[in-house]
Amino acid sequence: MSIINWLLEPLSYAFMQRGLIAAVLVGVVCAVVGAYVVLRGMAFFGDALAHTILPGVALGYLVGGGARDSLFWWALGTAVIAALGIGAISKQAQVKEDTAIGVIFAGMFALGIALISTVRSYAVDLSHFLFGDVLGVSPQSLWLILIFGGIVLLVILALYKEFLTLSFDPILAMTLRLPVGLLENVLLTLIAVTIAVSLQTVGVALMVAMLVTPAATAYLLTHRLPVMMALAALIASLSGVAGLYLSYYLSIASGAAIVLTATAIFIAVFFVKRVTLKN
């Protein structure tokens, strides 16, 4: 098989075309938002938030009688509520942020497992939300990813300077009388929307990798935020495309293939950077 045929064969299937588009779109959105997650040390928050949407997905599945079309909205609503809830609790002096995240993470995840356990066929019907099913992205889901991913990017573009100040110098942000509390909630909401948008691509279990790994790789290469976002978006997109091709030809889970590709790029950059610094 020639290289051209190797590249073109998967594209003859509509599900692969939609999957590639979804992987690139999700990769770009996750990478841009992930830059703030990495800079602010919010990886644990992203992981916890990804798991807290599980009860929303399970409840939506039960209420909808097994229909998948409405699950995105249940996941989105649950993610936003959980994000704002964690933010509100962590602002209280009595409870530290990591403690608040841990409490809500454990409680919501347990609730999700309890709800899922009531569904006899949950292993088949809901497994793609745990581990991702990018090859099962429907045209409707693709539009949802495009619309909400676009909204996330537009908000970040509009509030770029404010988020930049808040991320690097919170004291300066307060001195400039920026609405710090509001900006924090907006950022938490953007992370929640990103997680809901990315749910079908890599799933709950692997979501944090798409938020953190491409951005962390870019951080090894540059400390300028715009360049970091662009590099992270490029790395995430390449990981999505390469991962889908690996999934197609090796018959492995698409979400896992995407994450493993991103991880391999991170490890390669890490060791090259280390060798370069030594020399």
C-alpha atoms as a PDB file:
ATOM      1  CA  MET A   1       0.000   0.000   0.000  1.00  0.00           C
ATOM      2  CA  SER A   2       1.440   3.386  -1.007  1.00  0.00           C
ATOM      3  CA  ILE A   3       1.561   6.281   1.419  1.00  0.00           C
ATOM      4  CA  ILE A   4      -1.129   8.140  -0.543  1.00  0.00           C
ATOM      5  CA  ASN A   5      -3.491   5.161  -0.425  1.00  0.00           C
ATOM      6  CA  TRP A   6      -2.651   4.695   3.262  1.00  0.00           C
ATOM      7  CA  LEU A   7      -3.690   8.284   3.931  1.00  0.00           C
ATOM      8  CA  LEU A   8      -6.757   8.328   1.687  1.00  0.00           C
ATOM      9  CA  GLU A   9      -8.342   4.993   2.539  1.00  0.00           C
ATOM     10  CA  PRO A  10      -9.787   6.065   5.934  1.00  0.00           C
ATOM     11  CA  LEU A  11     -11.157   9.254   4.342  1.00  0.00           C
ATOM     12  CA  SER A  12     -13.476   7.197   2.145  1.00  0.00           C
ATOM     13  CA  TYR A  13     -15.674   6.694   5.203  1.00  0.00           C
ATOM     14  CA  ALA A  14     -17.957   9.506   6.367  1.00  0.00           C
ATOM     15  CA  PHE A  15     -17.471   8.606  10.038  1.00  0.00           C
ATOM     16  CA  MET A  16     -13.708   9.035   9.674  1.00  0.00           C
ATOM     17  CA  GLN A  17     -14.155  12.423   8.020  1.00  0.00           C
ATOM     18  CA  ARG A  18     -16.411  13.600  10.857  1.00  0.00           C
ATOM     19  CA  GLY A  19     -14.052  12.089  13.404  1.00  0.00           C
ATOM     20  CA  LEU A  20     -11.036  13.924  12.001  1.00  0.00           C
ATOM     21  CA  ILE A  21     -12.879  17.242  11.956  1.00  0.00           C
ATOM     22  CA  ALA A  22     -14.109  16.690  15.520  1.00  0.00           C
ATOM     23  CA  ALA A  23     -10.625  15.705  16.730  1.00  0.00           C
ATOM     24  CA  VAL A  24      -9.055  18.844  15.268  1.00  0.00           C
ATOM     25  CA  LEU A  25     -11.795  21.158  16.585  1.00  0.00           C
ATOM     26  CA  VAL A  26     -11.701  19.645  20.054  1.00  0.00           C
ATOM     27  CA  GLY A  27      -7.912  19.650  20.048  1.00  0.00           C
ATOM     28  CA  VAL A  28      -7.729  23.371  19.290  1.00  0.00           C
ATOM     29  CA  VAL A  29     -10.299  24.329  21.936  1.00  0.00           C
ATOM     30  CA  CYS A  30      -8.743  22.080  24.589  1.00  0.00           C
ATOM     31  CA  ALA A  31      -5.261  23.382  23.821  1.00  0.00           C
ATOM     32  CA  VAL A  32      -6.215  27.054  24.116  1.00  0.00           C
ATOM     33  CA  VAL A  33      -8.166  26.570  27.342  1.00  0.00           C
ATOM     34  CA  GLY A  34      -5.523  24.125  28.556  1.00  0.00           C
ATOM     35  CA  ALA A  35      -2.883  26.852  28.388  1.00  0.00           C
ATOM     36  CA  TYR A  36      -4.636  28.591  31.286  1.00  0.00           C
ATOM     37  CA  VAL A  37      -5.139  25.269  33.073  1.00  0.00           C
ATOM     38  CA  VAL A  38      -1.393  24.578  32.947  1.00  0.00           C
ATOM     39  CA  LEU A  39      -0.314  28.107  33.844  1.00  0.00           C
ATOM     40  CA  ARG A  40      -2.678  28.280  36.833  1.00  0.00           C
ATOM     41  CA  GLY A  41      -1.967  24.740  38.062  1.00  0.00           C
ATOM     42  CA  MET A  42      -5.572  23.609  37.551  1.00  0.00           C
ATOM     43  CA  ALA A  43      -4.936  20.090  36.223  1.00  0.00           C
ATOM     44  CA  PHE A  44      -6.629  18.489  39.243  1.00  0.00           C
ATOM     45  CA  PHE A  45      -9.611  20.786  38.776  1.00  0.00           C
ATOM     46  CA  GLY A  46      -9.904  19.767  35.125  1.00  0.00           C
ATOM     47  CA  ASP A  47      -9.711  16.079  36.012  1.00  0.00           C
ATOM     48  CA  ALA A  48     -12.305  16.421  38.762  1.00  0.00           C
ATOM     49  CA  LEU A  49     -14.650  18.447  36.579  1.00  0.00           C
ATOM     50  CA  ALA A  50     -14.471  15.874  33.801  1.00  0.00           C
ATOM     51  CA  HIS A  51     -15.599  13.192  36.249  1.00  0.00           C
ATOM     52  CA  THR A  52     -18.335  15.289  37.865  1.00  0.00           C
ATOM     53  CA  ILE A  53     -20.355  15.358  34.635  1.00  0.00           C
ATOM     54  CA  LEU A  54     -20.908  11.610  34.898  1.00  0.00           C
ATOM     55  CA  PRO A  55     -24.129  11.870  36.974  1.00  0.00           C
ATOM     56  CA  GLY A  56     -25.519  14.412  34.494  1.00  0.00           C
ATOM     57  CA  VAL A  57     -24.859  12.051  31.595  1.00  0.00           C
ATOM     58  CA  ALA A  58     -26.365   9.119  33.493  1.00  0.00           C
ATOM     59  CA  LEU A  59     -29.428  11.125  34.541  1.00  0.00           C
ATOM     60  CA  GLY A  60     -29.938  12.388  31.004  1.00  0.00           C
ATOM     61  CA  TYR A  61     -29.707   8.835  29.734  1.00  0.00           C
ATOM     62  CA  LEU A  62     -32.339   7.659  32.226  1.00  0.00           C
ATOM     63  CA  VAL A  63     -34.709  10.570  31.627  1.00  0.00           C
ATOM     64  CA  GLY A  64     -34.341  10.311  27.850  1.00  0.00           C
ATOM     65  CA  GLY A  65     -34.981   6.603  27.820  1.00  0.00           C
ATOM     66  CA  GLY A  66     -31.591   5.778  26.351  1.00  0.00           C
ATOM     67  CA  ALA A  67     -31.573   8.532  23.692  1.00  0.00           C
ATOM     68  CA  ARG A  68     -28.122  10.071  23.169  1.00  0.00           C
ATOM     69  CA  ASP A  69     -29.137  13.268  21.414  1.00  0.00           C
ATOM     70  CA  SER A  70     -29.818  15.232  24.629  1.00  0.00           C
ATOM     71  CA  LEU A  71     -26.862  13.938  26.643  1.00  0.00           C
ATOM     72  CA  PHE A  72     -24.630  16.833  25.570  1.00  0.00           C
ATOM     73  CA  TRP A  73     -26.969  19.328  27.226  1.00  0.00           C
ATOM     74  CA  TRP A  74     -27.114  17.312  30.444  1.00  0.00           C
ATOM     75  CA  ALA A  75     -23.319  17.068  30.463  1.00  0.00           C
ATOM     76  CA  LEU A  76     -22.976  20.797  29.768  1.00  0.00           C
ATOM     77  CA  GLY A  77     -25.392  21.814  32.532  1.00  0.00           C
ATOM     78  CA  THR A  78     -23.777  19.495  35.056  1.00  0.00           C
ATOM     79  CA  ALA A  79     -20.262  20.675  34.185  1.00  0.00           C
ATOM     80  CA  VAL A  80     -21.155  24.372  34.544  1.00  0.00           C
ATOM     81  CA  ILE A  81     -22.965  23.819  37.869  1.00  0.00           C
ATOM     82  CA  ALA A  82     -20.089  21.710  39.224  1.00  0.00           C
ATOM     83  CA  ALA A  83     -17.463  24.238  38.103  1.00  0.00           C
ATOM     84  CA  LEU A  84     -19.245  27.182  39.723  1.00  0.00           C
ATOM     85  CA  GLY A  85     -19.944  25.071  42.815  1.00  0.00           C
ATOM     86  CA  ILE A  86     -16.286  24.178  43.250  1.00  0.00           C
ATOM     87  CA  GLY A  87     -15.360  27.835  42.724  1.00  0.00           C
ATOM     88  CA  ALA A  88     -17.862  29.018  45.337  1.00  0.00           C
ATOM     89  CA  ILE A  89     -16.800  26.469  47.979  1.00  0.00           C
ATOM     90  CA  SER A  90     -13.077  27.030  47.429  1.00  0.00           C
ATOM     91  CA  LYS A  91     -13.488  30.763  48.053  1.00  0.00           C
ATOM     92  CA  GLN A  92     -14.513  30.050  51.627  1.00  0.00           C
ATOM     93  CA  ALA A  93     -11.604  30.413  54.032  1.00  0.00           C
ATOM     94  CA  GLN A  94     -12.617  27.255  55.936  1.00  0.00           C
ATOM     95  CA  VAL A  95     -12.051  24.943  52.965  1.00  0.00           C
ATOM     96  CA  LYS A  96      -8.971  24.860  50.714  1.00  0.00           C
ATOM     97  CA  GLU A  97      -9.446  24.632  46.964  1.00  0.00           C
ATOM     98  CA  ASP A  98      -8.022  21.127  46.556  1.00  0.00           C
ATOM     99  CA  THR A  99     -10.218  19.914  49.413  1.00  0.00           C
ATOM    100  CA  ALA A 100     -13.351  21.404  47.818  1.00  0.00           C
ATOM    101  CA  ILE A 101     -12.434  19.827  44.494  1.00  0.00           C
ATOM    102  CA  GLY A 102     -11.831  16.448  46.117  1.00  0.00           C
ATOM    103  CA  VAL A 103     -15.143  16.465  47.999  1.00  0.00           C
ATOM    104  CA  ILE A 104     -17.279  17.418  44.990  1.00  0.00           C
ATOM    105  CA  PHE A 105     -15.270  15.156  42.660  1.00  0.00           C
ATOM    106  CA  ALA A 106     -15.758  12.087  44.858  1.00  0.00           C
ATOM    107  CA  GLY A 107     -19.414  12.788  45.604  1.00  0.00           C
ATOM    108  CA  MET A 108     -20.451  13.496  42.015  1.00  0.00           C
ATOM    109  CA  PHE A 109     -18.487  10.584  40.612  1.00  0.00           C
ATOM    110  CA  ALA A 110     -20.056   8.215  43.152  1.00  0.00           C
ATOM    111  CA  LEU A 111     -23.500   9.556  42.250  1.00  0.00           C
ATOM    112  CA  GLY A 112     -22.764   8.941  38.576  1.00  0.00           C
ATOM    113  CA  ILE A 113     -21.704   5.350  39.260  1.00  0.00           C
ATOM    114  CA  ALA A 114     -24.835   4.793  41.355  1.00  0.00           C
ATOM    115  CA  LEU A 115     -27.079   6.078  38.561  1.00  0.00           C
ATOM    116  CA  ILE A 116     -25.241   4.121  35.878  1.00  0.00           C
ATOM    117  CA  SER A 117     -25.523   0.922  37.907  1.00  0.00           C
ATOM    118  CA  THR A 118     -29.325   1.153  37.614  1.00  0.00           C
ATOM    119  CA  VAL A 119     -29.057   0.798  33.830  1.00  0.00           C
ATOM    120  CA  ARG A 120     -28.765  -2.863  32.882  1.00  0.00           C
ATOM    121  CA  SER A 121     -27.099  -2.191  29.555  1.00  0.00           C
ATOM    122  CA  TYR A 122     -24.852   0.620  30.790  1.00  0.00           C
ATOM    123  CA  ALA A 123     -21.662  -1.228  29.791  1.00  0.00           C
ATOM    124  CA  VAL A 124     -22.639  -0.923  26.134  1.00  0.00           C
ATOM    125  CA  ASP A 125     -24.653   2.295  26.093  1.00  0.00           C
ATOM    126  CA  LEU A 126     -22.529   4.587  28.267  1.00  0.00           C
ATOM    127  CA  SER A 127     -19.010   3.217  27.816  1.00  0.00           C
ATOM    128  CA  HIS A 128     -18.327   5.649  24.957  1.00  0.00           C
ATOM    129  CA  PHE A 129     -18.790   8.542  27.381  1.00  0.00           C
ATOM    130  CA  LEU A 130     -16.194   7.040  29.698  1.00  0.00           C
ATOM    131  CA  PHE A 131     -13.588   6.255  27.041  1.00  0.00           C
ATOM    132  CA  GLY A 132     -14.632   8.356  24.043  1.00  0.00           C
ATOM    133  CA  ASP A 133     -16.100   7.494  20.654  1.00  0.00           C
ATOM    134  CA  VAL A 134     -14.870  10.097  18.187  1.00  0.00           C
ATOM    135  CA  LEU A 135     -15.693   7.793  15.267  1.00  0.00           C
ATOM    136  CA  GLY A 136     -19.318   7.864  16.366  1.00  0.00           C
ATOM    137  CA  VAL A 137     -19.646  11.652  16.150  1.00  0.00           C
ATOM    138  CA  SER A 138     -22.873  12.531  14.348  1.00  0.00           C
ATOM    139  CA  PRO A 139     -23.358  15.605  12.121  1.00  0.00           C
ATOM    140  CA  GLN A 140     -25.455  17.153  14.904  1.00  0.00           C
ATOM    141  CA  SER A 141     -22.696  16.573  17.467  1.00  0.00           C
ATOM    142  CA  LEU A 142     -20.180  18.075  15.059  1.00  0.00           C
ATOM    143  CA  TRP A 143     -22.251  21.255  14.841  1.00  0.00           C
ATOM    144  CA  LEU A 144     -22.473  21.429  18.644  1.00  0.00           C
ATOM    145  CA  ILE A 145     -18.694  21.093  18.895  1.00  0.00           C
ATOM    146  CA  LEU A 146     -18.226  23.815  16.268  1.00  0.00           C
ATOM    147  CA  ILE A 147     -20.701  26.249  17.838  1.00  0.00           C
ATOM    148  CA  PHE A 148     -19.738  25.885  21.490  1.00  0.00           C
ATOM    149  CA  GLY A 149     -16.036  25.516  20.721  1.00  0.00           C
ATOM    150  CA  GLY A 150     -16.258  28.725  18.696  1.00  0.00           C
ATOM    151  CA  ILE A 151     -17.980  30.502  21.586  1.00  0.00           C
ATOM    152  CA  VAL A 152     -15.207  29.430  23.967  1.00  0.00           C
ATOM    153  CA  LEU A 153     -12.492  30.727  21.627  1.00  0.00           C
ATOM    154  CA  LEU A 154     -14.317  34.027  21.039  1.00  0.00           C
ATOM    155  CA  VAL A 155     -14.705  34.653  24.780  1.00  0.00           C
ATOM    156  CA  ILE A 156     -11.018  33.905  25.359  1.00  0.00           C
ATOM    157  CA  LEU A 157     -10.093  36.282  22.538  1.00  0.00           C
ATOM    158  CA  ALA A 158     -12.345  39.017  23.935  1.00  0.00           C
ATOM    159  CA  LEU A 159     -11.000  38.652  27.496  1.00  0.00           C
ATOM    160  CA  TYR A 160      -7.422  37.755  26.589  1.00  0.00           C
ATOM    161  CA  LYS A 161      -5.775  40.675  28.416  1.00  0.00           C
ATOM    162  CA  GLU A 162      -7.909  40.190  31.518  1.00  0.00           C
ATOM    163  CA  PHE A 163      -7.200  36.453  31.707  1.00  0.00           C
ATOM    164  CA  LEU A 164      -3.502  37.110  31.061  1.00  0.00           C
ATOM    165  CA  THR A 165      -3.293  39.538  33.996  1.00  0.00           C
ATOM    166  CA  LEU A 166      -5.317  37.240  36.229  1.00  0.00           C
ATOM    167  CA  SER A 167      -3.116  34.240  35.430  1.00  0.00           C
ATOM    168  CA  PHE A 168       0.295  35.881  35.871  1.00  0.00           C
ATOM    169  CA  ASP A 169      -0.391  38.532  38.521  1.00  0.00           C
ATOM    170  CA  PRO A 170      -3.670  38.247  40.496  1.00  0.00           C
ATOM    171  CA  ILE A 171      -2.597  41.096  42.794  1.00  0.00           C
ATOM    172  CA  LEU A 172      -2.157  43.412  39.808  1.00  0.00           C
ATOM    173  CA  ALA A 173      -5.582  42.353  38.576  1.00  0.00           C
ATOM    174  CA  MET A 174      -7.119  43.456  41.875  1.00  0.00           C
ATOM    175  CA  THR A 175      -5.084  46.681  41.822  1.00  0.00           C
ATOM    176  CA  LEU A 176      -6.462  47.466  38.367  1.00  0.00           C
ATOM    177  CA  ARG A 177      -9.933  46.825  39.806  1.00  0.00           C
ATOM    178  CA  LEU A 178     -10.687  44.043  37.379  1.00  0.00           C
ATOM    179  CA  PRO A 179     -13.766  41.970  38.305  1.00  0.00           C
ATOM    180  CA  VAL A 180     -11.592  39.105  39.562  1.00  0.00           C
ATOM    181  CA  GLY A 181     -14.470  37.027  40.919  1.00  0.00           C
ATOM    182  CA  LEU A 182     -16.453  37.316  37.707  1.00  0.00           C
ATOM    183  CA  LEU A 183     -13.414  36.524  35.550  1.00  0.00           C
ATOM    184  CA  GLU A 184     -12.658  33.452  37.676  1.00  0.00           C
ATOM    185  CA  ASN A 185     -16.222  32.197  37.186  1.00  0.00           C
ATOM    186  CA  VAL A 186     -16.074  32.872  33.443  1.00  0.00           C
ATOM    187  CA  LEU A 187     -12.831  30.886  33.169  1.00  0.00           C
ATOM    188  CA  LEU A 188     -14.303  28.009  35.179  1.00  0.00           C
ATOM    189  CA  THR A 189     -17.359  28.047  32.916  1.00  0.00           C
ATOM    190  CA  LEU A 190     -15.168  27.975  29.797  1.00  0.00           C
ATOM    191  CA  ILE A 191     -13.329  24.931  31.150  1.00  0.00           C
ATOM    192  CA  ALA A 192     -16.690  23.284  31.858  1.00  0.00           C
ATOM    193  CA  VAL A 193     -17.969  23.978  28.337  1.00  0.00           C
ATOM    194  CA  THR A 194     -14.715  22.662  26.856  1.00  0.00           C
ATOM    195  CA  ILE A 195     -15.039  19.431  28.802  1.00  0.00           C
ATOM    196  CA  ALA A 196     -18.660  18.973  27.685  1.00  0.00           C
ATOM    197  CA  VAL A 197     -17.687  19.652  24.075  1.00  0.00           C
ATOM    198  CA  SER A 198     -14.821  17.154  24.241  1.00  0.00           C
ATOM    199  CA  LEU A 199     -16.792  14.423  25.993  1.00  0.00           C
ATOM    200  CA  GLN A 200     -17.526  12.224  23.005  1.00  0.00           C
ATOM    201  CA  THR A 201     -14.043  12.594  21.536  1.00  0.00           C
ATOM    202  CA  VAL A 202     -11.881  11.282  24.377  1.00  0.00           C
ATOM    203  CA  GLY A 203     -14.392  10.530  27.137  1.00  0.00           C
ATOM    204  CA  VAL A 204     -14.480  11.285  30.849  1.00  0.00           C
ATOM    205  CA  ALA A 205     -11.524   9.077  31.756  1.00  0.00           C
ATOM    206  CA  LEU A 206      -9.080  10.711  29.298  1.00  0.00           C
ATOM    207  CA  MET A 207     -10.412  14.260  29.194  1.00  0.00           C
ATOM    208  CA  VAL A 208      -7.758  15.815  31.438  1.00  0.00           C
ATOM    209  CA  ALA A 209      -5.030  14.595  29.053  1.00  0.00           C
ATOM    210  CA  MET A 210      -6.346  16.744  26.195  1.00  0.00           C
ATOM    211  CA  LEU A 211      -6.558  19.762  28.481  1.00  0.00           C
ATOM    212  CA  VAL A 212      -3.094  19.362  29.969  1.00  0.00           C
ATOM    213  CA  THR A 213      -0.732  17.367  27.735  1.00  0.00           C
ATOM    214  CA  PRO A 214      -0.607  19.546  24.559  1.00  0.00           C
ATOM    215  CA  ALA A 215      -0.402  22.726  26.652  1.00  0.00           C
ATOM    216  CA  ALA A 216       2.319  21.217  28.874  1.00  0.00           C
ATOM    217  CA  THR A 217       4.283  20.215  25.766  1.00  0.00           C
ATOM    218  CA  ALA A 218       4.012  23.741  24.382  1.00  0.00           C
ATOM    219  CA  TYR A 219       5.094  25.150  27.763  1.00  0.00           C
ATOM    220  CA  LEU A 220       8.372  23.235  27.423  1.00  0.00           C
ATOM    221  CA  LEU A 221       9.026  25.060  24.155  1.00  0.00           C
ATOM    222  CA  THR A 222       7.975  28.625  24.993  1.00  0.00           C
ATOM    223  CA  HIS A 223       6.808  30.803  27.879  1.00  0.00           C
ATOM    224  CA  ARG A 224       4.977  33.322  25.695  1.00  0.00           C
ATOM    225  CA  LEU A 225       1.262  32.705  26.071  1.00  0.00           C
ATOM    226  CA  PRO A 226       0.156  33.389  22.438  1.00  0.00           C
ATOM    227  CA  VAL A 227       2.920  31.143  21.074  1.00  0.00           C
ATOM    228  CA  MET A 228       2.128  28.537  23.717  1.00  0.00           C
ATOM    229  CA  MET A 229      -1.542  28.480  22.675  1.00  0.00           C
ATOM    230  CA  ALA A 230      -0.660  28.189  18.986  1.00  0.00           C
ATOM    231  CA  LEU A 231       1.850  25.381  19.568  1.00  0.00           C
ATOM    232  CA  ALA A 232      -0.547  23.551  21.880  1.00  0.00           C
ATOM    233  CA  ALA A 233      -3.313  23.790  19.275  1.00  0.00           C
ATOM    234  CA  LEU A 234      -0.958  22.419  16.599  1.00  0.00           C
ATOM    235  CA  ILE A 235       0.200  19.553  18.843  1.00  0.00           C
ATOM    236  CA  ALA A 236      -3.368  18.680  19.844  1.00  0.00           C
ATOM    237  CA  SER A 237      -4.552  18.718  16.228  1.00  0.00           C
ATOM    238  CA  LEU A 238      -1.663  16.519  15.069  1.00  0.00           C
ATOM    239  CA  SER A 239      -2.319  14.158  17.979  1.00  0.00           C
ATOM    240  CA  GLY A 240      -5.979  13.924  17.005  1.00  0.00           C
ATOM    241  CA  VAL A 241      -5.271  13.153  13.360  1.00  0.00           C
ATOM    242  CA  ALA A 242      -2.396  10.739  14.047  1.00  0.00           C
ATOM    243  CA  GLY A 243      -4.348   9.062  16.828  1.00  0.00           C
ATOM    244  CA  LEU A 244      -7.336   8.434  14.573  1.00  0.00           C
ATOM    245  CA  TYR A 245      -5.147   6.879  11.891  1.00  0.00           C
ATOM    246  CA  LEU A 246      -3.539   4.640  14.514  1.00  0.00           C
ATOM    247  CA  SER A 247      -6.999   3.734  15.775  1.00  0.00           C
ATOM    248  CA  TYR A 248      -8.134   2.844  12.262  1.00  0.00           C
ATOM    249  CA  TYR A 249      -5.153   0.696  11.283  1.00  0.00           C
ATOM    250  CA  LEU A 250      -4.383  -0.889  14.679  1.00  0.00           C
ATOM    251  CA  SER A 251      -8.022  -1.377  15.761  1.00  0.00           C
ATOM    252  CA  ILE A 252      -7.603   0.313  19.139  1.00  0.00           C
ATOM    253  CA  ALA A 253      -9.837   2.768  20.995  1.00  0.00           C
ATOM    254  CA  SER A 254      -9.762   6.152  19.266  1.00  0.00           C
ATOM    255  CA  GLY A 255      -9.700   8.263  22.435  1.00  0.00           C
ATOM    256  CA  ALA A 256      -6.828   6.246  23.897  1.00  0.00           C
ATOM    257  CA  ALA A 257      -4.887   6.452  20.617  1.00  0.00           C
ATOM    258  CA  ILE A 258      -5.214  10.256  20.553  1.00  0.00           C
ATOM    259  CA  VAL A 259      -4.064  10.617  24.157  1.00  0.00           C
ATOM    260  CA  LEU A 260      -1.163   8.188  23.698  1.00  0.00           C
ATOM    261  CA  THR A 261      -0.004  10.152  20.661  1.00  0.00           C
ATOM    262  CA  ALA A 262      -0.101  13.424  22.617  1.00  0.00           C
ATOM    263  CA  THR A 263       1.778  11.758  25.480  1.00  0.00           C
ATOM    264  CA  ALA A 264       4.444  10.417  23.115  1.00  0.00           C
ATOM    265  CA  ILE A 265       4.983  13.922  21.708  1.00  0.00           C
ATOM    266  CA  PHE A 266       5.318  15.315  25.242  1.00  0.00           C
ATOM    267  CA  ILE A 267       7.897  12.680  26.209  1.00  0.00           C
ATOM    268  CA  ALA A 268       9.876  13.281  23.002  1.00  0.00           C
ATOM    269  CA  VAL A 269       9.910  17.066  23.526  1.00  0.00           C
ATOM    270  CA  PHE A 270      10.802  16.628  27.206  1.00  0.00           C
ATOM    271  CA  PHE A 271      13.879  14.504  26.472  1.00  0.00           C
ATOM    272  CA  VAL A 272      15.008  16.646  23.517  1.00  0.00           C
ATOM    273  CA  LYS A 273      14.695  19.745  25.707  1.00  0.00           C
ATOM    274  CA  ARG A 274      16.641  18.055  28.492  1.00  0.00           C
ATOM    275  CA  VAL A 275      19.464  16.983  26.167  1.00  0.00           C
ATOM    276  CA  THR A 276      19.571  20.462  24.614  1.00  0.00           C
ATOM    277  CA  LEU A 277      19.879  22.136  28.033  1.00  0.00           C
ATOM    278  CA  LYS A 278      22.694  19.789  29.053  1.00  0.00           C
ATOM    279  CA  ASN A 279      24.652  20.612  25.915  1.00  0.00           C
END
